[in-house]
Protein backbone atom coordinates (compact mmCIF):
# COMPACT_ATOMS: atom_id res chain seq x y z
CA UNK A 1 -24.03 -146.36 92.53
CA UNK A 2 -23.67 -142.80 91.41
CA UNK A 3 -23.13 -143.76 87.79
CA UNK A 4 -24.30 -141.25 85.06
CA UNK A 5 -26.83 -142.47 82.56
CA UNK A 6 -25.36 -143.03 78.96
CA UNK A 7 -27.35 -141.45 76.25
CA UNK A 8 -26.62 -142.60 72.70
CA UNK A 9 -27.65 -140.40 69.71
CA UNK A 10 -27.93 -142.05 66.64
CA UNK A 11 -28.32 -140.16 63.30
CA UNK A 12 -30.55 -142.00 60.61
CA UNK A 13 -30.37 -141.26 57.07
CA UNK A 14 -33.91 -141.65 55.98
CA UNK A 15 -33.43 -140.87 52.16
CA UNK A 16 -32.26 -142.92 49.43
CA UNK A 17 -29.75 -145.96 49.93
CA UNK A 18 -25.95 -145.10 49.92
CA UNK A 19 -25.11 -147.48 47.11
CA UNK A 20 -26.99 -145.88 44.44
CA UNK A 21 -30.61 -146.27 43.16
CA UNK A 22 -29.83 -149.72 41.44
CA UNK A 23 -30.44 -151.26 44.79
CA UNK A 24 -33.74 -149.41 45.21
CA UNK A 25 -36.57 -151.64 43.70
CA UNK A 26 -38.93 -148.80 43.05
CA UNK A 27 -36.50 -145.94 42.62
CA UNK A 28 -34.98 -143.24 45.09
CA UNK A 29 -36.85 -141.29 47.75
CA UNK A 30 -35.56 -138.18 45.70
CA UNK A 31 -37.41 -139.06 42.63
CA UNK A 32 -40.89 -139.64 44.28
CA UNK A 33 -40.48 -136.68 46.43
CA UNK A 34 -39.84 -134.53 43.40
CA UNK A 35 -42.69 -136.00 41.41
CA UNK A 36 -45.57 -136.46 44.04
CA UNK A 37 -44.94 -134.27 47.13
CA UNK A 38 -45.71 -130.51 47.10
CA UNK A 39 -43.74 -129.53 50.06
CA UNK A 40 -40.34 -130.50 51.49
CA UNK A 41 -39.81 -131.57 55.15
CA UNK A 42 -36.64 -129.46 56.29
CA UNK A 43 -33.53 -130.86 57.23
CA UNK A 44 -33.85 -129.70 60.88
CA UNK A 45 -37.47 -130.89 61.15
CA UNK A 46 -38.42 -133.26 63.84
CA UNK A 47 -37.89 -137.06 63.56
CA UNK A 48 -41.80 -137.32 63.52
CA UNK A 49 -42.02 -135.18 60.58
CA UNK A 50 -39.37 -137.15 58.60
CA UNK A 51 -40.96 -140.31 59.51
CA UNK A 52 -44.40 -139.15 58.31
CA UNK A 53 -42.83 -137.90 54.99
CA UNK A 54 -41.18 -141.56 55.00
CA UNK A 55 -44.62 -143.14 55.39
CA UNK A 56 -45.98 -141.23 52.57
CA UNK A 57 -43.16 -141.89 50.10
CA UNK A 58 -43.39 -145.59 50.94
CA UNK A 59 -47.16 -145.70 50.44
CA UNK A 60 -46.70 -144.10 46.98
CA UNK A 61 -43.95 -146.54 46.32
CA UNK A 62 -45.83 -149.55 47.27
CA UNK A 63 -48.91 -148.35 45.26
CA UNK A 64 -46.73 -147.83 42.25
CA UNK A 65 -45.19 -151.40 42.77
CA UNK A 66 -48.67 -153.11 43.29
CA UNK A 67 -49.92 -151.48 40.19
CA UNK A 68 -47.03 -152.68 38.00
CA UNK A 69 -47.23 -156.05 39.57
CA UNK A 70 -50.68 -156.59 38.37
CA UNK A 71 -49.66 -155.32 34.79
CA UNK A 72 -46.53 -157.38 34.61
CA UNK A 73 -48.49 -160.55 35.60
CA UNK A 74 -51.10 -159.83 33.03
CA UNK A 75 -48.33 -159.46 30.45
CA UNK A 76 -46.78 -162.52 31.39
CA UNK A 77 -49.89 -164.67 31.22
CA UNK A 78 -50.84 -163.11 27.99
CA UNK A 79 -47.37 -164.13 26.48
CA UNK A 80 -47.57 -167.63 27.91
CA UNK A 81 -50.92 -168.15 26.02
CA UNK A 82 -49.80 -166.83 22.70
CA UNK A 83 -46.87 -169.00 23.00
CA UNK A 84 -48.99 -172.21 23.44
CA UNK A 85 -51.69 -171.17 21.14
CA UNK A 86 -49.11 -170.15 18.31
CA UNK A 87 -50.97 -166.76 17.89
CA UNK A 88 -47.80 -164.32 17.96
CA UNK A 89 -48.50 -160.49 17.82
CA UNK A 90 -48.50 -158.85 14.55
CA UNK A 91 -45.04 -157.05 14.01
CA UNK A 92 -45.09 -153.28 13.58
CA UNK A 93 -44.89 -152.09 10.20
CA UNK A 94 -41.76 -150.45 9.63
CA UNK A 95 -40.42 -148.87 6.42
CA UNK A 96 -36.79 -150.29 6.23
CA UNK A 97 -35.84 -148.62 2.99
CA UNK A 98 -32.55 -146.69 3.39
CA UNK A 99 -32.92 -143.40 5.02
CA UNK A 100 -32.76 -140.40 2.38
CA UNK A 101 -30.20 -137.58 3.21
CA UNK A 102 -31.31 -134.76 5.42
CA UNK A 103 -32.17 -131.38 3.96
CA UNK A 104 -28.97 -129.36 2.92
CA UNK A 105 -27.85 -126.98 5.55
CA UNK A 106 -25.26 -124.14 5.93
CA UNK A 107 -22.66 -126.62 7.34
CA UNK A 108 -23.32 -129.66 5.15
CA UNK A 109 -20.09 -129.63 3.45
CA UNK A 110 -17.85 -129.88 6.66
CA UNK A 111 -20.51 -132.00 8.30
CA UNK A 112 -20.18 -134.51 5.57
CA UNK A 113 -16.52 -134.28 5.67
CA UNK A 114 -16.97 -135.70 9.19
CA UNK A 115 -19.50 -138.31 8.44
CA UNK A 116 -17.90 -139.71 5.40
CA UNK A 117 -15.35 -141.71 7.17
CA UNK A 118 -17.68 -143.09 9.77
CA UNK A 119 -19.95 -146.07 8.93
CA UNK A 120 -23.01 -144.70 11.20
CA UNK A 121 -22.76 -141.13 12.19
CA UNK A 122 -25.83 -139.33 10.67
CA UNK A 123 -26.72 -142.30 8.75
CA UNK A 124 -28.89 -144.59 11.19
CA UNK A 125 -32.18 -142.49 11.55
CA UNK A 126 -33.76 -139.97 9.37
CA UNK A 127 -34.07 -136.38 10.21
CA UNK A 128 -37.73 -134.90 10.04
CA UNK A 129 -37.67 -131.35 8.81
CA UNK A 130 -41.36 -130.78 8.40
CA UNK A 131 -43.88 -129.25 10.86
CA UNK A 132 -45.14 -131.30 13.72
CA UNK A 133 -43.85 -134.31 15.57
CA UNK A 134 -41.78 -137.03 13.31
CA UNK A 135 -43.86 -139.81 12.16
CA UNK A 136 -43.64 -143.41 13.80
CA UNK A 137 -43.31 -145.53 10.70
CA UNK A 138 -39.22 -145.48 10.85
CA UNK A 139 -36.87 -144.36 13.10
CA UNK A 140 -36.90 -140.67 12.82
CA UNK A 141 -35.66 -137.75 14.89
CA UNK A 142 -36.37 -133.69 14.84
CA UNK A 143 -34.49 -130.89 16.11
CA UNK A 144 -36.11 -129.66 19.64
CA UNK A 145 -36.74 -126.05 20.16
CA UNK A 146 -36.74 -126.44 23.75
CA UNK A 147 -40.42 -125.74 24.40
CA UNK A 148 -42.96 -127.93 26.15
CA UNK A 149 -40.98 -129.72 28.75
CA UNK A 150 -41.45 -129.32 32.60
CA UNK A 151 -38.78 -127.72 34.53
CA UNK A 152 -38.56 -126.18 38.14
CA UNK A 153 -39.25 -122.73 38.82
CA UNK A 154 -39.65 -120.32 41.69
CA UNK A 155 -40.22 -118.73 44.07
CA UNK A 156 -39.26 -120.66 46.85
CA UNK A 157 -39.01 -124.05 45.17
CA UNK A 158 -37.55 -125.69 48.29
CA UNK A 159 -41.12 -125.64 49.96
CA UNK A 160 -43.63 -125.14 47.06
CA UNK A 161 -42.08 -127.52 44.46
CA UNK A 162 -43.52 -125.44 41.54
CA UNK A 163 -42.92 -126.45 37.92
CA UNK A 164 -43.52 -124.57 34.64
CA UNK A 165 -43.69 -125.62 31.08
CA UNK A 166 -40.76 -124.41 28.95
CA UNK A 167 -40.87 -121.77 26.02
CA UNK A 168 -38.80 -121.79 23.03
CA UNK A 169 -35.04 -121.70 23.59
CA UNK A 170 -32.05 -124.04 24.53
CA UNK A 171 -28.35 -123.66 24.91
CA UNK A 172 -27.32 -126.33 22.35
CA UNK A 173 -29.18 -127.32 19.12
CA UNK A 174 -29.10 -130.90 17.56
CA UNK A 175 -26.65 -131.78 14.94
CA UNK A 176 -27.24 -135.72 14.75
CA UNK A 177 -29.13 -138.62 16.37
CA UNK A 178 -28.20 -142.27 15.88
CA UNK A 179 -28.81 -145.79 17.27
CA UNK A 180 -25.91 -147.94 17.57
CA UNK A 181 -25.08 -151.43 19.11
CA UNK A 182 -21.91 -153.57 20.13
CA UNK A 183 -21.15 -156.80 21.79
CA UNK A 184 -20.29 -154.79 24.90
CA UNK A 185 -21.95 -151.68 26.32
CA UNK A 186 -20.64 -148.56 24.64
CA UNK A 187 -19.18 -146.65 27.96
CA UNK A 188 -17.72 -143.83 25.68
CA UNK A 189 -18.21 -142.60 22.13
CA UNK A 190 -15.75 -139.86 20.96
CA UNK A 191 -12.56 -141.51 20.09
CA UNK A 192 -13.94 -144.89 20.79
CA UNK A 193 -16.43 -145.53 17.94
CA UNK A 194 -16.15 -142.17 16.18
CA UNK A 195 -13.08 -140.15 15.42
CA UNK A 196 -13.32 -136.67 16.82
CA UNK A 197 -16.46 -134.41 16.92
CA UNK A 198 -18.49 -132.60 14.19
CA UNK A 199 -16.52 -129.60 12.62
CA UNK A 200 -17.43 -126.06 13.73
CA UNK A 201 -20.23 -124.74 11.66
CA UNK A 202 -19.47 -121.72 9.20
CA UNK A 203 -21.69 -119.36 11.00
CA UNK A 204 -20.55 -120.44 14.61
CA UNK A 205 -19.04 -117.61 16.51
CA UNK A 206 -17.61 -120.04 19.20
CA UNK A 207 -13.88 -119.78 19.89
CA UNK A 208 -11.53 -121.44 22.38
CA UNK A 209 -11.93 -118.53 24.69
CA UNK A 210 -15.38 -119.48 25.39
CA UNK A 211 -15.75 -120.97 28.63
CA UNK A 212 -18.27 -123.63 27.45
CA UNK A 213 -17.44 -126.52 25.04
CA UNK A 214 -18.58 -125.93 21.53
CA UNK A 215 -19.89 -129.61 21.08
CA UNK A 216 -22.09 -131.73 23.62
CA UNK A 217 -22.26 -135.75 23.00
CA UNK A 218 -24.98 -137.39 24.87
CA UNK A 219 -24.92 -141.22 25.16
CA UNK A 220 -28.00 -143.19 26.45
CA UNK A 221 -27.24 -146.83 27.12
CA UNK A 222 -30.11 -149.25 26.98
CA UNK A 223 -30.36 -153.11 28.03
CA UNK A 224 -31.95 -155.63 25.97
CA UNK A 225 -31.99 -158.46 28.64
CA UNK A 226 -34.90 -159.54 30.91
CA UNK A 227 -33.96 -158.01 34.48
CA UNK A 228 -36.21 -160.88 36.15
CA UNK A 229 -34.27 -163.71 34.45
CA UNK A 230 -31.06 -164.57 36.51
CA UNK A 231 -29.71 -166.40 33.59
CA UNK A 232 -30.29 -163.65 30.93
CA UNK A 233 -27.01 -162.90 29.07
CA UNK A 234 -25.84 -159.17 28.65
CA UNK A 235 -25.70 -158.80 24.88
CA UNK A 236 -24.33 -155.18 24.96
CA UNK A 237 -27.73 -153.59 24.59
CA UNK A 238 -27.71 -150.28 22.36
CA UNK A 239 -26.74 -146.78 22.57
CA UNK A 240 -28.62 -143.60 21.32
CA UNK A 241 -26.17 -141.24 20.72
CA UNK A 242 -26.64 -137.42 19.92
CA UNK A 243 -24.34 -134.65 19.01
CA UNK A 244 -25.15 -131.07 19.65
CA UNK A 245 -23.66 -127.73 19.03
CA UNK A 246 -23.67 -124.60 21.32
CA UNK A 247 -25.76 -121.81 19.65
CA UNK A 248 -24.42 -118.26 19.15
CA UNK A 249 -26.88 -116.77 21.64
CA UNK A 250 -25.49 -119.03 24.49
CA UNK A 251 -21.91 -118.07 23.28
CA UNK A 252 -22.91 -114.41 23.68
CA UNK A 253 -24.65 -115.02 27.18
CA UNK A 254 -22.04 -117.08 28.64
CA UNK A 255 -19.49 -114.20 27.93
CA UNK A 256 -21.56 -111.40 29.25
CA UNK A 257 -21.49 -109.71 32.60
CA UNK A 258 -24.90 -111.43 33.70
CA UNK A 259 -25.42 -114.83 32.07
CA UNK A 260 -28.97 -116.38 32.54
CA UNK A 261 -29.45 -119.09 35.27
CA UNK A 262 -29.69 -121.84 33.06
CA UNK A 263 -26.21 -120.73 31.28
CA UNK A 264 -24.80 -120.50 34.76
CA UNK A 265 -26.01 -123.77 36.11
CA UNK A 266 -24.62 -125.39 32.83
CA UNK A 267 -21.34 -123.71 33.37
CA UNK A 268 -21.09 -124.89 36.90
CA UNK A 269 -21.94 -128.53 35.54
CA UNK A 270 -19.31 -128.21 32.92
CA UNK A 271 -16.48 -127.17 35.52
CA UNK A 272 -17.28 -129.99 37.75
CA UNK A 273 -15.28 -133.27 37.91
CA UNK A 274 -14.71 -135.17 34.61
CA UNK A 275 -12.62 -137.89 33.36
CA UNK A 276 -10.14 -137.31 30.42
CA UNK A 277 -10.56 -139.06 27.00
CA UNK A 278 -9.59 -142.70 27.01
CA UNK A 279 -9.71 -142.95 30.83
CA UNK A 280 -10.76 -146.24 32.64
CA UNK A 281 -14.04 -146.95 33.61
CA UNK A 282 -13.12 -146.74 37.31
CA UNK A 283 -11.48 -143.16 36.95
CA UNK A 284 -12.66 -141.46 40.05
CA UNK A 285 -13.84 -138.21 38.16
CA UNK A 286 -15.52 -140.11 35.39
CA UNK A 287 -18.51 -141.19 37.47
CA UNK A 288 -21.38 -138.67 37.69
CA UNK A 289 -21.97 -139.62 41.31
CA UNK A 290 -18.52 -137.90 41.96
CA UNK A 291 -20.77 -134.71 41.74
CA UNK A 292 -22.93 -135.62 44.45
CA UNK A 293 -22.89 -133.53 47.85
CA UNK A 294 -24.02 -136.49 50.17
CA UNK A 295 -24.85 -134.02 52.81
CA UNK A 296 -27.94 -133.18 50.71
CA UNK A 297 -30.98 -135.00 49.44
CA UNK A 298 -30.57 -135.96 45.85
CA UNK A 299 -33.50 -133.83 44.72
CA UNK A 300 -32.12 -130.79 46.55
CA UNK A 301 -28.57 -131.12 45.42
CA UNK A 302 -28.04 -128.25 42.90
CA UNK A 303 -25.71 -128.80 39.73
CA UNK A 304 -26.63 -132.43 38.81
CA UNK A 305 -27.86 -133.29 35.30
CA UNK A 306 -31.26 -134.22 34.93
CA UNK A 307 -33.17 -135.84 31.95
CA UNK A 308 -36.87 -135.61 31.00
CA UNK A 309 -39.07 -137.27 28.53
CA UNK A 310 -42.61 -136.46 27.29
CA UNK A 311 -44.69 -139.01 25.44
CA UNK A 312 -46.63 -136.92 22.85
CA UNK A 313 -49.36 -139.82 21.99
CA UNK A 314 -49.55 -141.83 25.22
CA UNK A 315 -53.27 -141.97 24.51
CA UNK A 316 -52.52 -143.86 21.43
CA UNK A 317 -50.28 -146.56 22.89
CA UNK A 318 -52.73 -148.31 25.22
CA UNK A 319 -50.13 -148.38 28.33
CA UNK A 320 -51.46 -148.72 31.58
CA UNK A 321 -53.35 -145.91 33.31
CA UNK A 322 -50.91 -145.76 36.25
CA UNK A 323 -48.09 -145.18 34.09
CA UNK A 324 -49.54 -141.93 32.78
CA UNK A 325 -48.63 -140.23 35.91
CA UNK A 326 -44.81 -140.57 35.24
CA UNK A 327 -45.19 -138.82 31.60
CA UNK A 328 -43.05 -135.80 31.51
CA UNK A 329 -41.36 -136.30 34.58
CA UNK A 330 -37.51 -135.96 34.96
CA UNK A 331 -34.92 -137.85 36.92
CA UNK A 332 -31.32 -136.95 38.39
CA UNK A 333 -28.34 -138.61 36.66
CA UNK A 334 -25.70 -139.21 39.27
CA UNK A 335 -24.38 -142.92 39.86
CA UNK A 336 -25.83 -144.15 36.58
CA UNK A 337 -23.89 -141.70 34.50
CA UNK A 338 -20.64 -140.60 33.24
CA UNK A 339 -18.80 -137.30 32.13
CA UNK A 340 -15.91 -137.14 29.73
CA UNK A 341 -14.14 -133.69 29.19
CA UNK A 342 -11.86 -132.63 26.03
CA UNK A 343 -8.63 -131.14 27.84
CA UNK A 344 -8.67 -128.46 25.09
CA UNK A 345 -12.28 -127.37 25.94
CA UNK A 346 -13.95 -128.26 22.80
CA UNK A 347 -16.42 -131.02 23.53
CA UNK A 348 -18.15 -132.61 26.56
CA UNK A 349 -19.40 -136.22 26.64
CA UNK A 350 -22.18 -137.32 29.08
CA UNK A 351 -23.83 -140.54 29.26
CA UNK A 352 -26.03 -142.81 31.52
CA UNK A 353 -26.67 -146.54 31.67
CA UNK A 354 -30.29 -147.62 32.29
CA UNK A 355 -28.83 -150.95 33.48
CA UNK A 356 -27.98 -148.93 36.87
CA UNK A 357 -31.45 -147.66 37.40
CA UNK A 358 -33.85 -149.18 39.68
CA UNK A 359 -35.15 -152.78 38.98
CA UNK A 360 -38.79 -151.51 38.32
CA UNK A 361 -37.75 -149.06 35.63
CA UNK A 362 -35.62 -151.41 33.86
CA UNK A 363 -38.50 -154.16 33.88
CA UNK A 364 -40.91 -151.64 32.72
CA UNK A 365 -38.53 -150.79 29.59
CA UNK A 366 -38.15 -154.60 29.06
CA UNK A 367 -42.00 -155.31 29.26
CA UNK A 368 -43.05 -152.36 27.27
CA UNK A 369 -40.44 -152.30 24.47
CA UNK A 370 -42.89 -153.18 21.87
CA UNK A 371 -44.72 -149.93 22.80
CA UNK A 372 -41.58 -147.76 22.02
CA UNK A 373 -41.81 -147.98 18.21
CA UNK A 374 -45.19 -146.52 18.24
CA UNK A 375 -44.32 -143.61 20.78
CA UNK A 376 -43.56 -139.95 19.67
CA UNK A 377 -41.25 -138.55 22.27
CA UNK A 378 -39.58 -135.27 23.43
CA UNK A 379 -36.57 -135.57 25.19
CA UNK A 380 -34.51 -133.11 27.12
CA UNK A 381 -31.82 -132.24 29.46
CA UNK A 382 -31.35 -129.71 32.28
CA UNK A 383 -29.16 -128.81 35.36
CA UNK A 384 -30.85 -129.26 38.55
CA UNK A 385 -31.71 -126.12 40.49
CA UNK A 386 -32.88 -125.36 43.83
CA UNK A 387 -32.27 -121.69 45.03
CA UNK A 388 -34.53 -118.78 43.56
CA UNK A 389 -31.40 -117.41 41.86
CA UNK A 390 -30.83 -120.26 39.91
CA UNK A 391 -34.24 -120.79 38.77
CA UNK A 392 -36.25 -121.59 36.45
CA UNK A 393 -34.47 -124.24 35.03
CA UNK A 394 -33.63 -124.08 31.41
CA UNK A 395 -33.29 -126.80 28.59
CA UNK A 396 -29.65 -127.55 27.64
CA UNK A 397 -30.65 -129.47 24.66
CA UNK A 398 -33.58 -131.42 23.35
CA UNK A 399 -34.68 -133.82 20.44
CA UNK A 400 -37.97 -135.16 19.22
CA UNK A 401 -37.84 -139.04 18.48
CA UNK A 402 -40.15 -141.44 16.77
CA UNK A 403 -40.57 -144.89 15.46
CA UNK A 404 -37.28 -146.18 17.30
CA UNK A 405 -36.91 -150.06 17.84
CA UNK A 406 -34.16 -150.45 20.40
CA UNK A 407 -33.74 -154.12 19.48
CA UNK A 408 -33.88 -154.10 15.68
CA UNK A 409 -32.77 -150.81 14.46
CA UNK A 410 -29.30 -150.04 16.03
CA UNK A 411 -26.53 -150.31 13.83
CA UNK A 412 -23.71 -152.58 14.84
CA UNK A 413 -20.30 -150.88 15.33
CA UNK A 414 -16.59 -151.58 16.30
CA UNK A 415 -14.17 -149.85 18.07
CA UNK A 416 -11.64 -147.73 16.29
CA UNK A 417 -8.25 -149.12 15.88
């Protein structure tokens, strides 16, 4: 009698799961919120507003999952029919003759000095130097110019979620792109399967006093196994590895009194946690998820790396219509990624493992892997920005790729002794 009532207040996190996107079948709320919603529910909004947003997100995810389930079932039925009828699909015609050397450049001699001791660097894919996107009859890459990708822009992105198409310009230009594989996933490149980084270009003005690294290495790890098969063996998959060198314009900008927003954001990323060369996979600073501010939603957490891809010929591929809505969209790299930094400040290596992506995305890659060789794509990377003073986002580096076969093309490499 006379006892006071007890009120229990429970804070519920309505966003993505705490253990990474891998355990979210269709992907995190952050990806769908950034892709489909036109406004943000404020952190201080009422529970009813947050629940309404969640209902919209779950509806969108449900529609995507239902569409994909229908397509996946149709693909499985078609494959089963071909198996028992003996009618296998015609293989894609590929020119498998050895690639010819790229056009001479002003750093060709020193570049050759670096590549001649490697069995794969600069040798597994041909560079396309002509106008237009590279052809898709063989594994080919072309230097990007930073134009044509979608990035965030202001004003008031937090509420308006505006995007814009980039114009020419990027922080780093492409040196090499290669496809390689090993018996185990390649969780690092520099010092593991290649000795050092490309030598400094003769016309580069970079010095050790520059606060940004001269070379950026990006390692994209792709699986080969069927994610729906619980007995599927992991064969190591493959990696697409690219080396980029800082532009003289970026060197000048980062050392100026007022660097552009894109330069400031990449400098912020570079100064974040990173593992040292040769560190173990469980090194606490190696995981890109270490950079997360868990008090913020992933799509509102500035300073994270984002990757974007734009298929230039999706109409020719015959992929299901519902997948077209994802063309050109970018995604945040956190728990699936890693960062390794040279103690001397000359290079930075960034990679991400698609095995750690949500199940639906891994399954899409597996089911539609036969479409990949026919695709002509533009890939780019940026640092996620939210506030007006950090917008618009800018392209760190980008590259065009065509005619790639993630199963048959990659060159087998061995670890350095």
